[in-house]
Amino acid sequence: MTVFDIPVTELSGRPDLLSRHRGHTLLIVNVASHCGLATQYTGLEELARRHREDGLVVIGVPCNQFGEQEPGTAEQIADFCSVQHVTFPLTEKAAVNGAGRHPLYTALTPFADAEGHRGDVRWNFEKFLVSAAGDPVGRFAPTVEPHDPELTSAVRAHIRRA
């Protein structure tokens, strides 16, 4: 079983978001509209557009577990992202930690970042890079910006044209 086999519903309610992107490199990011790091939406959108033709898909996972910074409904989240010109797909709101952790994050969180952190997601905008084969291959702290050389190097190493 790979990440692509985990059932994930899109914010709009459409099922099987991940399986529709089988064979693409994914950057999965837990997002929150009211977080100080929400400025990263712009960089994530730029990264998604820059590497879309190369097989990268950025996927936002709205999460309200950190400071209740994503309290909105699906419609409110979609409206916020529309105003921010976000075109990459978003999942339905999900828990990334705790007993109600979404199975996607059960699969992702054992992977360690460069500093050796594995386990619970630390805050909004933690990033997981998943290979086109469906395996976690990178993890980046919430404060790592989408244009950070460490992240962009990892993305380039795993996209189709690499």
N, C-alpha and C. Protein backbone atom coordinates (compact mmCIF):
# COMPACT_ATOMS: atom_id res chain seq x y z
N MET A 1 0.84 -1.18 0.00
CA MET A 1 0.00 0.00 0.00
C MET A 1 0.89 1.25 0.00
N THR A 2 0.51 2.25 -0.80
CA THR A 2 1.23 3.51 -0.85
C THR A 2 0.30 4.64 -0.43
N VAL A 3 0.84 5.83 -0.36
CA VAL A 3 0.04 7.01 -0.03
C VAL A 3 -1.13 7.15 -1.01
N PHE A 4 -0.93 6.78 -2.27
CA PHE A 4 -1.97 6.93 -3.28
C PHE A 4 -3.19 6.04 -3.01
N ASP A 5 -3.02 5.02 -2.17
CA ASP A 5 -4.11 4.11 -1.86
C ASP A 5 -4.96 4.56 -0.67
N ILE A 6 -4.56 5.62 0.00
CA ILE A 6 -5.28 6.11 1.18
C ILE A 6 -6.45 6.98 0.72
N PRO A 7 -7.66 6.64 1.15
CA PRO A 7 -8.81 7.45 0.74
C PRO A 7 -8.75 8.86 1.35
N VAL A 8 -8.77 9.84 0.48
CA VAL A 8 -8.75 11.24 0.90
C VAL A 8 -9.81 11.96 0.08
N THR A 9 -10.65 12.71 0.77
CA THR A 9 -11.71 13.46 0.11
C THR A 9 -11.29 14.90 -0.09
N GLU A 10 -11.57 15.42 -1.27
CA GLU A 10 -11.26 16.81 -1.58
C GLU A 10 -12.20 17.73 -0.79
N LEU A 11 -11.78 18.98 -0.60
CA LEU A 11 -12.58 19.97 0.14
C LEU A 11 -13.99 20.07 -0.43
N SER A 12 -14.13 19.90 -1.72
CA SER A 12 -15.43 19.99 -2.39
C SER A 12 -16.30 18.77 -2.13
N GLY A 13 -15.73 17.72 -1.54
CA GLY A 13 -16.48 16.49 -1.28
C GLY A 13 -16.19 15.39 -2.28
N ARG A 14 -15.42 15.68 -3.32
CA ARG A 14 -15.07 14.68 -4.32
C ARG A 14 -14.09 13.68 -3.72
N PRO A 15 -14.36 12.39 -3.86
CA PRO A 15 -13.49 11.37 -3.24
C PRO A 15 -12.23 11.08 -4.05
N ASP A 16 -11.34 10.30 -3.44
CA ASP A 16 -10.17 9.71 -4.10
C ASP A 16 -9.19 10.74 -4.65
N LEU A 17 -8.93 11.79 -3.90
CA LEU A 17 -8.02 12.84 -4.35
C LEU A 17 -6.63 12.29 -4.66
N LEU A 18 -6.08 11.49 -3.77
CA LEU A 18 -4.70 11.03 -3.97
C LEU A 18 -4.58 10.04 -5.12
N SER A 19 -5.53 9.14 -5.24
CA SER A 19 -5.44 8.15 -6.31
C SER A 19 -5.50 8.80 -7.68
N ARG A 20 -6.14 9.96 -7.79
CA ARG A 20 -6.19 10.68 -9.07
C ARG A 20 -4.83 11.28 -9.44
N HIS A 21 -3.91 11.33 -8.49
CA HIS A 21 -2.58 11.89 -8.75
C HIS A 21 -1.49 10.83 -8.68
N ARG A 22 -1.90 9.57 -8.79
CA ARG A 22 -0.94 8.47 -8.79
C ARG A 22 0.11 8.72 -9.88
N GLY A 23 1.37 8.50 -9.53
CA GLY A 23 2.44 8.71 -10.48
C GLY A 23 3.02 10.11 -10.48
N HIS A 24 2.44 11.00 -9.67
CA HIS A 24 2.96 12.36 -9.53
C HIS A 24 3.72 12.47 -8.20
N THR A 25 4.63 13.40 -8.14
CA THR A 25 5.29 13.74 -6.89
C THR A 25 4.35 14.67 -6.13
N LEU A 26 4.15 14.42 -4.84
CA LEU A 26 3.23 15.22 -4.03
C LEU A 26 3.99 16.01 -2.97
N LEU A 27 3.54 17.22 -2.73
CA LEU A 27 3.97 17.97 -1.56
C LEU A 27 2.71 18.20 -0.74
N ILE A 28 2.62 17.51 0.38
CA ILE A 28 1.42 17.54 1.23
C ILE A 28 1.71 18.47 2.40
N VAL A 29 0.83 19.46 2.60
CA VAL A 29 1.06 20.52 3.58
C VAL A 29 -0.21 20.72 4.40
N ASN A 30 -0.11 20.62 5.73
CA ASN A 30 -1.27 20.96 6.55
C ASN A 30 -1.35 22.49 6.64
N VAL A 31 -2.49 23.04 6.28
CA VAL A 31 -2.64 24.48 6.14
C VAL A 31 -3.69 25.03 7.09
N ALA A 32 -3.61 26.34 7.34
CA ALA A 32 -4.58 27.03 8.19
C ALA A 32 -4.66 28.49 7.77
N SER A 33 -5.85 28.94 7.46
CA SER A 33 -6.09 30.28 6.93
C SER A 33 -5.71 31.40 7.90
N HIS A 34 -5.88 31.16 9.19
CA HIS A 34 -5.67 32.21 10.19
C HIS A 34 -4.31 32.11 10.88
N CYS A 35 -3.39 31.38 10.30
CA CYS A 35 -2.06 31.20 10.86
C CYS A 35 -1.13 32.28 10.31
N GLY A 36 -0.17 32.69 11.11
CA GLY A 36 0.82 33.65 10.65
C GLY A 36 1.65 33.12 9.50
N LEU A 37 1.71 31.80 9.35
CA LEU A 37 2.46 31.19 8.25
C LEU A 37 1.63 31.07 6.97
N ALA A 38 0.38 31.55 7.00
CA ALA A 38 -0.50 31.45 5.83
C ALA A 38 0.05 32.21 4.63
N THR A 39 1.03 33.09 4.86
CA THR A 39 1.68 33.75 3.73
C THR A 39 2.37 32.73 2.82
N GLN A 40 2.60 31.52 3.34
CA GLN A 40 3.22 30.46 2.54
C GLN A 40 2.32 29.97 1.41
N TYR A 41 1.01 30.25 1.50
CA TYR A 41 0.12 29.86 0.41
C TYR A 41 0.65 30.39 -0.93
N THR A 42 1.13 31.63 -0.95
CA THR A 42 1.63 32.23 -2.18
C THR A 42 2.82 31.46 -2.72
N GLY A 43 3.77 31.14 -1.87
CA GLY A 43 4.93 30.37 -2.30
C GLY A 43 4.59 28.96 -2.72
N LEU A 44 3.64 28.35 -2.02
CA LEU A 44 3.21 27.00 -2.40
C LEU A 44 2.55 27.02 -3.78
N GLU A 45 1.74 28.04 -4.04
CA GLU A 45 1.10 28.17 -5.35
C GLU A 45 2.16 28.37 -6.44
N GLU A 46 3.15 29.20 -6.16
CA GLU A 46 4.23 29.43 -7.14
C GLU A 46 4.99 28.13 -7.42
N LEU A 47 5.30 27.38 -6.37
CA LEU A 47 6.00 26.10 -6.52
C LEU A 47 5.16 25.13 -7.34
N ALA A 48 3.86 25.07 -7.04
CA ALA A 48 2.96 24.17 -7.76
C ALA A 48 2.90 24.54 -9.24
N ARG A 49 2.78 25.82 -9.54
CA ARG A 49 2.71 26.25 -10.95
C ARG A 49 4.03 26.01 -11.68
N ARG A 50 5.14 26.30 -11.01
CA ARG A 50 6.45 26.16 -11.63
C ARG A 50 6.73 24.71 -12.03
N HIS A 51 6.27 23.77 -11.22
CA HIS A 51 6.62 22.36 -11.46
C HIS A 51 5.43 21.48 -11.83
N ARG A 52 4.30 22.08 -12.14
CA ARG A 52 3.10 21.30 -12.51
C ARG A 52 3.39 20.39 -13.71
N GLU A 53 4.00 20.95 -14.74
CA GLU A 53 4.29 20.16 -15.96
C GLU A 53 5.34 19.08 -15.70
N ASP A 54 6.08 19.21 -14.62
CA ASP A 54 7.10 18.23 -14.26
C ASP A 54 6.55 17.11 -13.38
N GLY A 55 5.26 17.20 -13.04
CA GLY A 55 4.63 16.14 -12.26
C GLY A 55 4.47 16.42 -10.78
N LEU A 56 4.67 17.67 -10.34
CA LEU A 56 4.46 18.00 -8.92
C LEU A 56 3.02 18.42 -8.69
N VAL A 57 2.43 17.89 -7.62
CA VAL A 57 1.12 18.33 -7.17
C VAL A 57 1.25 18.72 -5.70
N VAL A 58 0.95 19.97 -5.40
CA VAL A 58 0.88 20.43 -4.01
C VAL A 58 -0.54 20.16 -3.53
N ILE A 59 -0.66 19.61 -2.34
CA ILE A 59 -1.97 19.31 -1.76
C ILE A 59 -2.02 19.93 -0.37
N GLY A 60 -3.01 20.80 -0.16
CA GLY A 60 -3.22 21.42 1.14
C GLY A 60 -4.21 20.62 1.96
N VAL A 61 -3.89 20.45 3.23
CA VAL A 61 -4.75 19.71 4.16
C VAL A 61 -5.17 20.67 5.27
N PRO A 62 -6.35 21.29 5.16
CA PRO A 62 -6.79 22.19 6.22
C PRO A 62 -6.89 21.45 7.56
N CYS A 63 -6.36 22.08 8.59
CA CYS A 63 -6.33 21.46 9.92
C CYS A 63 -6.56 22.54 10.98
N ASN A 64 -7.40 22.23 11.94
CA ASN A 64 -7.74 23.18 13.00
C ASN A 64 -7.13 22.78 14.35
N GLN A 65 -6.12 21.95 14.35
CA GLN A 65 -5.55 21.44 15.60
C GLN A 65 -4.54 22.35 16.26
N PHE A 66 -4.06 23.37 15.58
CA PHE A 66 -3.02 24.22 16.13
C PHE A 66 -3.58 25.62 16.34
N GLY A 67 -3.91 25.94 17.57
CA GLY A 67 -4.43 27.26 17.90
C GLY A 67 -5.77 27.56 17.26
N GLU A 68 -6.48 26.53 16.85
CA GLU A 68 -7.80 26.70 16.20
C GLU A 68 -7.72 27.75 15.09
N GLN A 69 -6.68 27.63 14.24
CA GLN A 69 -6.43 28.63 13.20
C GLN A 69 -7.06 28.29 11.85
N GLU A 70 -7.85 27.22 11.83
CA GLU A 70 -8.64 26.89 10.63
C GLU A 70 -10.05 26.52 11.07
N PRO A 71 -10.79 27.51 11.64
CA PRO A 71 -12.11 27.22 12.20
C PRO A 71 -13.23 27.18 11.16
N GLY A 72 -12.97 27.61 9.95
CA GLY A 72 -14.02 27.80 8.96
C GLY A 72 -14.61 26.53 8.40
N THR A 73 -15.71 26.73 7.69
CA THR A 73 -16.36 25.65 6.95
C THR A 73 -15.59 25.41 5.67
N ALA A 74 -15.95 24.36 4.96
CA ALA A 74 -15.32 24.08 3.67
C ALA A 74 -15.49 25.27 2.73
N GLU A 75 -16.66 25.88 2.75
CA GLU A 75 -16.93 27.02 1.86
C GLU A 75 -16.05 28.22 2.24
N GLN A 76 -15.89 28.47 3.53
CA GLN A 76 -15.05 29.58 3.98
C GLN A 76 -13.58 29.36 3.62
N ILE A 77 -13.12 28.13 3.77
CA ILE A 77 -11.74 27.80 3.40
C ILE A 77 -11.55 27.98 1.90
N ALA A 78 -12.50 27.49 1.11
CA ALA A 78 -12.42 27.63 -0.35
C ALA A 78 -12.43 29.11 -0.75
N ASP A 79 -13.25 29.92 -0.09
CA ASP A 79 -13.30 31.36 -0.39
C ASP A 79 -11.96 32.02 -0.08
N PHE A 80 -11.38 31.71 1.08
CA PHE A 80 -10.08 32.27 1.45
C PHE A 80 -9.04 31.91 0.39
N CYS A 81 -9.01 30.65 0.00
CA CYS A 81 -8.02 30.20 -0.98
C CYS A 81 -8.26 30.84 -2.34
N SER A 82 -9.49 31.06 -2.70
CA SER A 82 -9.80 31.73 -3.96
C SER A 82 -9.26 33.16 -3.96
N VAL A 83 -9.45 33.87 -2.87
CA VAL A 83 -8.94 35.24 -2.75
C VAL A 83 -7.41 35.24 -2.81
N GLN A 84 -6.79 34.19 -2.30
CA GLN A 84 -5.33 34.06 -2.32
C GLN A 84 -4.80 33.52 -3.64
N HIS A 85 -5.70 33.24 -4.59
CA HIS A 85 -5.35 32.70 -5.90
C HIS A 85 -4.71 31.33 -5.82
N VAL A 86 -5.16 30.53 -4.86
CA VAL A 86 -4.67 29.17 -4.69
C VAL A 86 -5.45 28.25 -5.63
N THR A 87 -4.73 27.54 -6.48
CA THR A 87 -5.38 26.62 -7.41
C THR A 87 -5.06 25.15 -7.12
N PHE A 88 -4.09 24.90 -6.23
CA PHE A 88 -3.77 23.50 -5.93
C PHE A 88 -4.89 22.89 -5.10
N PRO A 89 -5.05 21.57 -5.16
CA PRO A 89 -6.17 20.92 -4.46
C PRO A 89 -6.03 20.98 -2.94
N LEU A 90 -7.19 21.04 -2.30
CA LEU A 90 -7.28 21.00 -0.85
C LEU A 90 -8.14 19.80 -0.45
N THR A 91 -7.78 19.18 0.66
CA THR A 91 -8.58 18.08 1.18
C THR A 91 -9.65 18.64 2.10
N GLU A 92 -10.56 17.77 2.51
CA GLU A 92 -11.47 18.17 3.58
C GLU A 92 -10.62 18.40 4.83
N LYS A 93 -11.18 19.14 5.79
CA LYS A 93 -10.45 19.42 7.02
C LYS A 93 -10.13 18.09 7.71
N ALA A 94 -8.91 17.97 8.23
CA ALA A 94 -8.47 16.70 8.80
C ALA A 94 -7.61 16.92 10.04
N ALA A 95 -7.60 15.92 10.91
CA ALA A 95 -6.70 15.91 12.07
C ALA A 95 -5.38 15.28 11.63
N VAL A 96 -4.28 15.90 12.03
CA VAL A 96 -2.96 15.38 11.66
C VAL A 96 -2.26 14.72 12.85
N ASN A 97 -2.79 14.93 14.05
CA ASN A 97 -2.22 14.35 15.28
C ASN A 97 -3.35 13.76 16.12
N GLY A 98 -2.97 12.94 17.09
CA GLY A 98 -3.91 12.44 18.08
C GLY A 98 -4.69 11.22 17.64
N ALA A 99 -5.65 10.85 18.48
CA ALA A 99 -6.44 9.64 18.26
C ALA A 99 -7.23 9.69 16.96
N GLY A 100 -7.64 10.89 16.54
CA GLY A 100 -8.41 11.03 15.30
C GLY A 100 -7.56 11.32 14.08
N ARG A 101 -6.26 11.09 14.18
CA ARG A 101 -5.33 11.38 13.08
C ARG A 101 -5.81 10.71 11.78
N HIS A 102 -5.83 11.47 10.70
CA HIS A 102 -6.22 10.92 9.41
C HIS A 102 -5.20 9.86 8.99
N PRO A 103 -5.65 8.78 8.36
CA PRO A 103 -4.73 7.73 7.92
C PRO A 103 -3.58 8.24 7.04
N LEU A 104 -3.79 9.32 6.30
CA LEU A 104 -2.70 9.90 5.51
C LEU A 104 -1.55 10.29 6.41
N TYR A 105 -1.86 10.92 7.54
CA TYR A 105 -0.80 11.36 8.45
C TYR A 105 -0.25 10.20 9.28
N THR A 106 -1.02 9.15 9.43
CA THR A 106 -0.48 7.94 10.06
C THR A 106 0.64 7.39 9.18
N ALA A 107 0.48 7.50 7.86
CA ALA A 107 1.50 7.03 6.93
C ALA A 107 2.68 7.99 6.83
N LEU A 108 2.44 9.29 6.97
CA LEU A 108 3.50 10.28 6.76
C LEU A 108 4.36 10.55 7.98
N THR A 109 3.76 10.61 9.16
CA THR A 109 4.48 11.09 10.34
C THR A 109 5.63 10.21 10.83
N PRO A 110 5.72 8.93 10.51
CA PRO A 110 6.92 8.19 10.92
C PRO A 110 8.19 8.65 10.20
N PHE A 111 8.04 9.35 9.08
CA PHE A 111 9.19 9.81 8.31
C PHE A 111 9.86 10.98 9.03
N ALA A 112 11.17 10.93 9.17
CA ALA A 112 11.91 11.98 9.89
C ALA A 112 12.37 13.09 8.94
N ASP A 113 12.46 14.30 9.49
CA ASP A 113 13.02 15.41 8.72
C ASP A 113 14.54 15.41 8.86
N ALA A 114 15.19 16.41 8.30
CA ALA A 114 16.67 16.46 8.30
C ALA A 114 17.24 16.54 9.71
N GLU A 115 16.48 17.07 10.67
CA GLU A 115 16.95 17.17 12.06
C GLU A 115 16.61 15.91 12.87
N GLY A 116 15.95 14.95 12.23
CA GLY A 116 15.60 13.71 12.92
C GLY A 116 14.23 13.70 13.57
N HIS A 117 13.45 14.78 13.41
CA HIS A 117 12.11 14.80 14.00
C HIS A 117 11.19 13.88 13.22
N ARG A 118 10.57 12.98 13.95
CA ARG A 118 9.53 12.11 13.40
C ARG A 118 8.38 12.12 14.38
N GLY A 119 7.24 11.65 13.97
CA GLY A 119 6.08 11.63 14.85
C GLY A 119 5.19 12.82 14.59
N ASP A 120 4.54 13.30 15.65
CA ASP A 120 3.53 14.33 15.51
C ASP A 120 3.98 15.53 14.69
N VAL A 121 3.02 16.05 13.94
CA VAL A 121 3.22 17.30 13.20
C VAL A 121 3.35 18.40 14.25
N ARG A 122 4.29 19.31 14.05
CA ARG A 122 4.58 20.33 15.05
C ARG A 122 3.69 21.56 14.98
N TRP A 123 3.26 21.94 13.78
CA TRP A 123 2.46 23.17 13.63
C TRP A 123 1.91 23.20 12.21
N ASN A 124 1.14 24.21 11.91
CA ASN A 124 0.62 24.42 10.56
C ASN A 124 1.78 24.58 9.58
N PHE A 125 1.55 24.14 8.35
CA PHE A 125 2.49 24.27 7.24
C PHE A 125 3.72 23.37 7.33
N GLU A 126 3.59 22.24 8.05
CA GLU A 126 4.63 21.21 7.96
C GLU A 126 4.44 20.51 6.62
N LYS A 127 5.53 20.21 5.95
CA LYS A 127 5.48 19.73 4.58
C LYS A 127 6.06 18.32 4.46
N PHE A 128 5.37 17.48 3.68
CA PHE A 128 5.82 16.12 3.40
C PHE A 128 5.92 15.94 1.90
N LEU A 129 7.08 15.51 1.44
CA LEU A 129 7.29 15.23 0.02
C LEU A 129 7.11 13.74 -0.19
N VAL A 130 6.29 13.39 -1.18
CA VAL A 130 5.98 11.99 -1.48
C VAL A 130 6.40 11.72 -2.93
N SER A 131 7.15 10.65 -3.13
CA SER A 131 7.64 10.31 -4.46
C SER A 131 6.49 9.87 -5.36
N ALA A 132 6.77 9.82 -6.66
CA ALA A 132 5.77 9.36 -7.63
C ALA A 132 5.39 7.89 -7.39
N ALA A 133 6.22 7.17 -6.65
CA ALA A 133 5.90 5.78 -6.28
C ALA A 133 4.99 5.71 -5.05
N GLY A 134 4.77 6.86 -4.40
CA GLY A 134 3.87 6.90 -3.25
C GLY A 134 4.53 6.75 -1.91
N ASP A 135 5.86 6.94 -1.85
CA ASP A 135 6.59 6.80 -0.60
C ASP A 135 7.04 8.16 -0.07
N PRO A 136 6.93 8.40 1.24
CA PRO A 136 7.47 9.64 1.80
C PRO A 136 8.98 9.70 1.57
N VAL A 137 9.46 10.84 1.08
CA VAL A 137 10.89 10.99 0.80
C VAL A 137 11.47 12.27 1.41
N GLY A 138 10.61 13.09 2.01
CA GLY A 138 11.10 14.32 2.62
C GLY A 138 10.09 14.88 3.59
N ARG A 139 10.60 15.56 4.60
CA ARG A 139 9.76 16.22 5.60
C ARG A 139 10.44 17.53 5.96
N PHE A 140 9.63 18.59 6.04
CA PHE A 140 10.17 19.92 6.26
C PHE A 140 9.36 20.65 7.32
N ALA A 141 10.06 21.30 8.23
CA ALA A 141 9.44 22.02 9.34
C ALA A 141 8.50 23.11 8.82
N PRO A 142 7.54 23.50 9.65
CA PRO A 142 6.60 24.55 9.24
C PRO A 142 7.26 25.85 8.80
N THR A 143 8.38 26.19 9.39
CA THR A 143 9.03 27.46 9.06
C THR A 143 9.86 27.40 7.78
N VAL A 144 10.01 26.21 7.19
CA VAL A 144 10.72 26.10 5.92
C VAL A 144 9.78 26.65 4.84
N GLU A 145 10.22 27.73 4.21
CA GLU A 145 9.42 28.40 3.19
C GLU A 145 9.41 27.58 1.89
N PRO A 146 8.37 27.71 1.09
CA PRO A 146 8.30 26.97 -0.18
C PRO A 146 9.46 27.24 -1.14
N HIS A 147 10.12 28.38 -1.03
CA HIS A 147 11.25 28.70 -1.91
C HIS A 147 12.61 28.35 -1.27
N ASP A 148 12.60 27.74 -0.09
CA ASP A 148 13.83 27.37 0.59
C ASP A 148 14.63 26.39 -0.29
N PRO A 149 15.93 26.61 -0.44
CA PRO A 149 16.74 25.73 -1.30
C PRO A 149 16.69 24.25 -0.91
N GLU A 150 16.60 23.96 0.37
CA GLU A 150 16.51 22.56 0.81
C GLU A 150 15.25 21.90 0.25
N LEU A 151 14.13 22.61 0.33
CA LEU A 151 12.87 22.07 -0.17
C LEU A 151 12.86 22.01 -1.69
N THR A 152 13.27 23.08 -2.35
CA THR A 152 13.22 23.08 -3.82
C THR A 152 14.19 22.05 -4.41
N SER A 153 15.32 21.83 -3.76
CA SER A 153 16.25 20.79 -4.21
C SER A 153 15.61 19.41 -4.11
N ALA A 154 14.95 19.16 -3.00
CA ALA A 154 14.29 17.87 -2.82
C ALA A 154 13.18 17.67 -3.85
N VAL A 155 12.41 18.72 -4.11
CA VAL A 155 11.35 18.62 -5.12
C VAL A 155 11.97 18.30 -6.47
N ARG A 156 12.99 19.05 -6.86
CA ARG A 156 13.62 18.83 -8.16
C ARG A 156 14.21 17.43 -8.27
N ALA A 157 14.67 16.87 -7.18
CA ALA A 157 15.25 15.52 -7.20
C ALA A 157 14.19 14.44 -7.44
N HIS A 158 12.93 14.78 -7.21
CA HIS A 158 11.87 13.75 -7.30
C HIS A 158 10.84 13.98 -8.40
N ILE A 159 10.91 15.10 -9.09
CA ILE A 159 9.94 15.31 -10.16
C ILE A 159 10.41 14.61 -11.43
N ARG A 160 9.54 14.50 -12.40
CA ARG A 160 9.79 13.72 -13.62
C ARG A 160 11.03 14.15 -14.38
N ARG A 161 11.29 15.45 -14.46
CA ARG A 161 12.41 15.90 -15.28
C ARG A 161 13.74 15.82 -14.54
N ALA A 162 13.72 15.35 -13.30
CA ALA A 162 14.94 15.32 -12.47
C ALA A 162 16.04 14.49 -13.08
